[in-house]
Amino acid sequence: MKKDEFSARLAELAEAAAQGAVASAHEVLVELSRIGRANMADFVRAFFGCGDPVAAVDQLTPAQTAALAEGTVEQFMDGAGDDAREVRRIRFKLVSKIDALELLGKHHKLYTDRVEREYGGAGLADRLAAALARVRGEAPQEATRRPTDRRRRSPRGVRTARRRQNIARKVQKVAGLK
């Protein structure tokens, strides 16, 4: 095997291995949908009166286990003497539905960010008047500047940029890219 053929084959195998290692966009959306549809009642039903919490987790569907972030089992004695009884406390925590639903909403463009554009200090009416003046051969009038024409980044704009960065980080985390 020649060096070029070897390099090409190595690149082909690396590509094939990488396809299974990185989640596709569809897989990320499916996982977010599973988290968004999680229902606490499903977990209460599964764990209520169970003798073995591991068996209860085995009864959950893959969609339900996708939303399960952590589970803990505590066993202790409650009371003293003859009145003591063994108590098993099972706690489980779900992944944040709000974050998953927010990411899905962003993907489906349910939330739109309003963008205001400024065109060189002249509004649409001023630009149209200048264009008509040019067509008629008249001298163009001075464009009136409004105090709002000056471009500033508002605190709301800063918050929006931070929110976008946080969402991008969460998407990368869910997709397993970081």
C-alpha atoms as a PDB file:
ATOM      1  CA  MET A   1       0.000   0.000   0.000  1.00  0.00           C
ATOM      2  CA  LYS A   2       1.350   3.378  -0.998  1.00  0.00           C
ATOM      3  CA  LYS A   3       1.666   6.304   1.360  1.00  0.00           C
ATOM      4  CA  ASP A   4      -1.160   8.293  -0.330  1.00  0.00           C
ATOM      5  CA  GLU A   5      -3.515   5.319  -0.260  1.00  0.00           C
ATOM      6  CA  PHE A   6      -2.655   4.692   3.381  1.00  0.00           C
ATOM      7  CA  SER A   7      -3.334   8.321   4.326  1.00  0.00           C
ATOM      8  CA  ALA A   8      -6.643   8.304   2.443  1.00  0.00           C
ATOM      9  CA  ARG A   9      -7.723   5.055   4.111  1.00  0.00           C
ATOM     10  CA  LEU A  10      -6.692   6.393   7.542  1.00  0.00           C
ATOM     11  CA  ALA A  11      -8.740   9.574   6.976  1.00  0.00           C
ATOM     12  CA  GLU A  12     -11.709   7.465   5.844  1.00  0.00           C
ATOM     13  CA  LEU A  13     -11.559   5.314   8.996  1.00  0.00           C
ATOM     14  CA  ALA A  14     -11.200   8.387  11.229  1.00  0.00           C
ATOM     15  CA  GLU A  15     -14.276   9.935   9.585  1.00  0.00           C
ATOM     16  CA  ALA A  16     -16.280   6.744  10.113  1.00  0.00           C
ATOM     17  CA  ALA A  17     -15.262   6.624  13.789  1.00  0.00           C
ATOM     18  CA  ALA A  18     -16.115  10.308  14.298  1.00  0.00           C
ATOM     19  CA  GLN A  19     -19.614   9.894  12.867  1.00  0.00           C
ATOM     20  CA  GLY A  20     -20.621   7.658  15.742  1.00  0.00           C
ATOM     21  CA  ALA A  21     -18.808   9.706  18.384  1.00  0.00           C
ATOM     22  CA  VAL A  22     -20.541  13.059  17.833  1.00  0.00           C
ATOM     23  CA  ALA A  23     -24.276  13.507  18.270  1.00  0.00           C
ATOM     24  CA  SER A  24     -26.099  14.730  15.200  1.00  0.00           C
ATOM     25  CA  ALA A  25     -28.411  17.732  15.323  1.00  0.00           C
ATOM     26  CA  HIS A  26     -31.423  15.402  15.194  1.00  0.00           C
ATOM     27  CA  GLU A  27     -30.146  13.398  18.165  1.00  0.00           C
ATOM     28  CA  VAL A  28     -29.659  16.588  20.186  1.00  0.00           C
ATOM     29  CA  LEU A  29     -33.221  17.699  19.405  1.00  0.00           C
ATOM     30  CA  VAL A  30     -34.611  14.278  20.357  1.00  0.00           C
ATOM     31  CA  GLU A  31     -32.754  14.363  23.679  1.00  0.00           C
ATOM     32  CA  LEU A  32     -33.969  17.899  24.423  1.00  0.00           C
ATOM     33  CA  SER A  33     -37.518  16.807  23.582  1.00  0.00           C
ATOM     34  CA  ARG A  34     -37.260  13.876  25.996  1.00  0.00           C
ATOM     35  CA  ILE A  35     -36.114  16.190  28.764  1.00  0.00           C
ATOM     36  CA  GLY A  36     -38.839  18.720  27.959  1.00  0.00           C
ATOM     37  CA  ARG A  37     -41.555  16.058  28.098  1.00  0.00           C
ATOM     38  CA  ALA A  38     -40.401  14.530  31.384  1.00  0.00           C
ATOM     39  CA  ASN A  39     -43.107  14.257  34.012  1.00  0.00           C
ATOM     40  CA  MET A  40     -42.411  14.009  37.730  1.00  0.00           C
ATOM     41  CA  ALA A  41     -45.483  11.766  38.191  1.00  0.00           C
ATOM     42  CA  ASP A  42     -43.822   9.025  36.119  1.00  0.00           C
ATOM     43  CA  PHE A  43     -40.944   8.887  38.568  1.00  0.00           C
ATOM     44  CA  VAL A  44     -43.166   8.965  41.636  1.00  0.00           C
ATOM     45  CA  ARG A  45     -45.161   6.013  40.252  1.00  0.00           C
ATOM     46  CA  ALA A  46     -41.989   4.073  39.432  1.00  0.00           C
ATOM     47  CA  PHE A  47     -40.326   4.608  42.824  1.00  0.00           C
ATOM     48  CA  PHE A  48     -43.412   4.488  45.087  1.00  0.00           C
ATOM     49  CA  GLY A  49     -43.400   1.345  47.216  1.00  0.00           C
ATOM     50  CA  CYS A  50     -40.487  -0.170  45.349  1.00  0.00           C
ATOM     51  CA  GLY A  51     -38.336  -2.634  47.208  1.00  0.00           C
ATOM     52  CA  ASP A  52     -35.308  -2.058  45.028  1.00  0.00           C
ATOM     53  CA  PRO A  53     -34.612   1.383  43.508  1.00  0.00           C
ATOM     54  CA  VAL A  54     -32.364  -0.161  40.848  1.00  0.00           C
ATOM     55  CA  ALA A  55     -35.272  -2.301  39.662  1.00  0.00           C
ATOM     56  CA  ALA A  56     -37.451   0.814  39.574  1.00  0.00           C
ATOM     57  CA  VAL A  57     -34.943   2.558  37.315  1.00  0.00           C
ATOM     58  CA  ASP A  58     -34.958  -0.492  35.041  1.00  0.00           C
ATOM     59  CA  GLN A  59     -38.724  -0.056  34.611  1.00  0.00           C
ATOM     60  CA  LEU A  60     -38.321   3.497  33.302  1.00  0.00           C
ATOM     61  CA  THR A  61     -38.397   4.115  29.569  1.00  0.00           C
ATOM     62  CA  PRO A  62     -35.356   5.573  27.779  1.00  0.00           C
ATOM     63  CA  ALA A  63     -37.257   8.862  27.435  1.00  0.00           C
ATOM     64  CA  GLN A  64     -37.744   8.979  31.206  1.00  0.00           C
ATOM     65  CA  THR A  65     -34.170   8.063  32.087  1.00  0.00           C
ATOM     66  CA  ALA A  66     -32.909  10.810  29.752  1.00  0.00           C
ATOM     67  CA  ALA A  67     -34.463  13.361  32.114  1.00  0.00           C
ATOM     68  CA  LEU A  68     -33.103  11.781  35.319  1.00  0.00           C
ATOM     69  CA  ALA A  69     -30.110  13.794  36.507  1.00  0.00           C
ATOM     70  CA  GLU A  70     -29.405  12.098  39.826  1.00  0.00           C
ATOM     71  CA  GLY A  71     -30.898   9.678  42.280  1.00  0.00           C
ATOM     72  CA  THR A  72     -29.949   8.936  45.882  1.00  0.00           C
ATOM     73  CA  VAL A  73     -31.149   6.288  48.334  1.00  0.00           C
ATOM     74  CA  GLU A  74     -30.825   6.825  52.079  1.00  0.00           C
ATOM     75  CA  GLN A  75     -31.553   4.128  54.655  1.00  0.00           C
ATOM     76  CA  PHE A  76     -31.762   4.983  58.332  1.00  0.00           C
ATOM     77  CA  MET A  77     -33.593   4.109  61.548  1.00  0.00           C
ATOM     78  CA  ASP A  78     -36.361   6.465  62.634  1.00  0.00           C
ATOM     79  CA  GLY A  79     -37.247   6.532  66.305  1.00  0.00           C
ATOM     80  CA  ALA A  80     -35.618   4.812  69.271  1.00  0.00           C
ATOM     81  CA  GLY A  81     -35.975   1.481  71.057  1.00  0.00           C
ATOM     82  CA  ASP A  82     -38.951  -0.713  70.205  1.00  0.00           C
ATOM     83  CA  ASP A  83     -40.631   2.078  68.201  1.00  0.00           C
ATOM     84  CA  ALA A  84     -37.686   2.313  65.792  1.00  0.00           C
ATOM     85  CA  ARG A  85     -38.403   1.539  62.196  1.00  0.00           C
ATOM     86  CA  GLU A  86     -36.252   1.305  59.138  1.00  0.00           C
ATOM     87  CA  VAL A  87     -36.824   4.128  56.665  1.00  0.00           C
ATOM     88  CA  ARG A  88     -35.695   4.280  53.066  1.00  0.00           C
ATOM     89  CA  ARG A  89     -35.697   7.729  51.472  1.00  0.00           C
ATOM     90  CA  ILE A  90     -35.374   7.893  47.707  1.00  0.00           C
ATOM     91  CA  ARG A  91     -34.605  11.233  46.130  1.00  0.00           C
ATOM     92  CA  PHE A  92     -34.334  11.912  42.455  1.00  0.00           C
ATOM     93  CA  LYS A  93     -33.573  15.059  40.540  1.00  0.00           C
ATOM     94  CA  LEU A  94     -34.597  15.811  36.985  1.00  0.00           C
ATOM     95  CA  VAL A  95     -32.630  17.795  34.439  1.00  0.00           C
ATOM     96  CA  SER A  96     -33.900  21.364  34.037  1.00  0.00           C
ATOM     97  CA  LYS A  97     -36.946  21.318  31.770  1.00  0.00           C
ATOM     98  CA  ILE A  98     -36.856  25.096  31.433  1.00  0.00           C
ATOM     99  CA  ASP A  99     -33.410  25.036  29.830  1.00  0.00           C
ATOM    100  CA  ALA A 100     -34.362  22.224  27.451  1.00  0.00           C
ATOM    101  CA  LEU A 101     -37.611  23.909  26.434  1.00  0.00           C
ATOM    102  CA  GLU A 102     -35.844  27.246  25.976  1.00  0.00           C
ATOM    103  CA  LEU A 103     -33.278  25.643  23.662  1.00  0.00           C
ATOM    104  CA  LEU A 104     -36.036  23.919  21.685  1.00  0.00           C
ATOM    105  CA  GLY A 105     -37.945  27.199  21.449  1.00  0.00           C
ATOM    106  CA  LYS A 106     -34.847  28.954  20.134  1.00  0.00           C
ATOM    107  CA  HIS A 107     -34.338  26.179  17.582  1.00  0.00           C
ATOM    108  CA  HIS A 108     -37.920  26.480  16.342  1.00  0.00           C
ATOM    109  CA  LYS A 109     -37.627  30.301  16.340  1.00  0.00           C
ATOM    110  CA  LEU A 110     -40.428  30.771  18.841  1.00  0.00           C
ATOM    111  CA  TYR A 111     -38.532  33.652  20.412  1.00  0.00           C
ATOM    112  CA  THR A 112     -37.333  36.392  18.111  1.00  0.00           C
ATOM    113  CA  ASP A 113     -34.824  39.032  19.054  1.00  0.00           C
ATOM    114  CA  ARG A 114     -35.739  42.432  17.727  1.00  0.00           C
ATOM    115  CA  VAL A 115     -32.913  44.008  15.771  1.00  0.00           C
ATOM    116  CA  GLU A 116     -32.897  47.702  14.999  1.00  0.00           C
ATOM    117  CA  ARG A 117     -30.764  48.847  12.135  1.00  0.00           C
ATOM    118  CA  GLU A 118     -29.557  52.351  11.473  1.00  0.00           C
ATOM    119  CA  TYR A 119     -28.652  53.565   8.025  1.00  0.00           C
ATOM    120  CA  GLY A 120     -26.070  56.316   8.240  1.00  0.00           C
ATOM    121  CA  GLY A 121     -28.122  58.664  10.394  1.00  0.00           C
ATOM    122  CA  ALA A 122     -30.911  59.063   7.842  1.00  0.00           C
ATOM    123  CA  GLY A 123     -34.238  57.359   8.232  1.00  0.00           C
ATOM    124  CA  LEU A 124     -36.190  55.775   5.418  1.00  0.00           C
ATOM    125  CA  ALA A 125     -38.177  58.957   4.754  1.00  0.00           C
ATOM    126  CA  ASP A 126     -34.976  61.028   4.491  1.00  0.00           C
ATOM    127  CA  ARG A 127     -33.381  58.539   2.126  1.00  0.00           C
ATOM    128  CA  LEU A 128     -36.476  58.426  -0.096  1.00  0.00           C
ATOM    129  CA  ALA A 129     -36.646  62.244  -0.196  1.00  0.00           C
ATOM    130  CA  ALA A 130     -32.971  62.382  -1.201  1.00  0.00           C
ATOM    131  CA  ALA A 131     -33.519  59.789  -3.935  1.00  0.00           C
ATOM    132  CA  LEU A 132     -36.515  61.721  -5.327  1.00  0.00           C
ATOM    133  CA  ALA A 133     -34.494  64.936  -5.265  1.00  0.00           C
ATOM    134  CA  ARG A 134     -31.720  63.256  -7.264  1.00  0.00           C
ATOM    135  CA  VAL A 135     -34.239  61.970  -9.833  1.00  0.00           C
ATOM    136  CA  ARG A 136     -35.795  65.444 -10.200  1.00  0.00           C
ATOM    137  CA  GLY A 137     -32.373  67.072 -10.440  1.00  0.00           C
ATOM    138  CA  GLU A 138     -32.913  69.126  -7.285  1.00  0.00           C
ATOM    139  CA  ALA A 139     -30.358  69.771  -4.597  1.00  0.00           C
ATOM    140  CA  PRO A 140     -30.699  67.166  -1.858  1.00  0.00           C
ATOM    141  CA  GLN A 141     -31.891  68.426   1.506  1.00  0.00           C
ATOM    142  CA  GLU A 142     -29.863  67.893   4.611  1.00  0.00           C
ATOM    143  CA  ALA A 143     -30.792  64.738   6.472  1.00  0.00           C
ATOM    144  CA  THR A 144     -32.108  65.479   9.909  1.00  0.00           C
ATOM    145  CA  ARG A 145     -30.373  63.604  12.654  1.00  0.00           C
ATOM    146  CA  ARG A 146     -32.384  62.429  15.593  1.00  0.00           C
ATOM    147  CA  PRO A 147     -30.867  62.029  19.058  1.00  0.00           C
ATOM    148  CA  THR A 148     -31.584  58.294  18.864  1.00  0.00           C
ATOM    149  CA  ASP A 149     -29.401  57.856  15.779  1.00  0.00           C
ATOM    150  CA  ARG A 150     -26.318  57.453  17.919  1.00  0.00           C
ATOM    151  CA  ARG A 151     -25.565  53.743  18.350  1.00  0.00           C
ATOM    152  CA  ARG A 152     -25.150  52.607  21.929  1.00  0.00           C
ATOM    153  CA  ARG A 153     -25.221  49.187  23.462  1.00  0.00           C
ATOM    154  CA  SER A 154     -27.939  49.137  26.046  1.00  0.00           C
ATOM    155  CA  PRO A 155     -27.819  46.988  29.197  1.00  0.00           C
ATOM    156  CA  ARG A 156     -30.581  44.889  27.629  1.00  0.00           C
ATOM    157  CA  GLY A 157     -28.353  44.279  24.595  1.00  0.00           C
ATOM    158  CA  VAL A 158     -25.539  43.157  26.892  1.00  0.00           C
ATOM    159  CA  ARG A 159     -27.902  40.753  28.678  1.00  0.00           C
ATOM    160  CA  THR A 160     -29.097  39.364  25.350  1.00  0.00           C
ATOM    161  CA  ALA A 161     -25.524  38.714  24.228  1.00  0.00           C
ATOM    162  CA  ARG A 162     -24.741  36.941  27.501  1.00  0.00           C
ATOM    163  CA  ARG A 163     -27.916  34.861  27.190  1.00  0.00           C
ATOM    164  CA  ARG A 164     -26.908  33.790  23.679  1.00  0.00           C
ATOM    165  CA  GLN A 165     -23.468  32.771  24.938  1.00  0.00           C
ATOM    166  CA  ASN A 166     -25.007  30.751  27.791  1.00  0.00           C
ATOM    167  CA  ILE A 167     -27.409  29.019  25.413  1.00  0.00           C
ATOM    168  CA  ALA A 168     -24.558  28.169  23.048  1.00  0.00           C
ATOM    169  CA  ARG A 169     -22.600  26.683  25.966  1.00  0.00           C
ATOM    170  CA  LYS A 170     -25.595  24.599  27.043  1.00  0.00           C
ATOM    171  CA  VAL A 171     -26.138  23.297  23.532  1.00  0.00           C
ATOM    172  CA  GLN A 172     -22.472  22.286  23.325  1.00  0.00           C
ATOM    173  CA  LYS A 173     -22.710  20.615  26.730  1.00  0.00           C
ATOM    174  CA  VAL A 174     -25.845  18.668  25.769  1.00  0.00           C
ATOM    175  CA  ALA A 175     -24.328  17.713  22.415  1.00  0.00           C
ATOM    176  CA  GLY A 176     -21.188  16.498  24.202  1.00  0.00           C
ATOM    177  CA  LEU A 177     -18.898  18.866  22.314  1.00  0.00           C
ATOM    178  CA  LYS A 178     -17.212  20.214  25.457  1.00  0.00           C
END
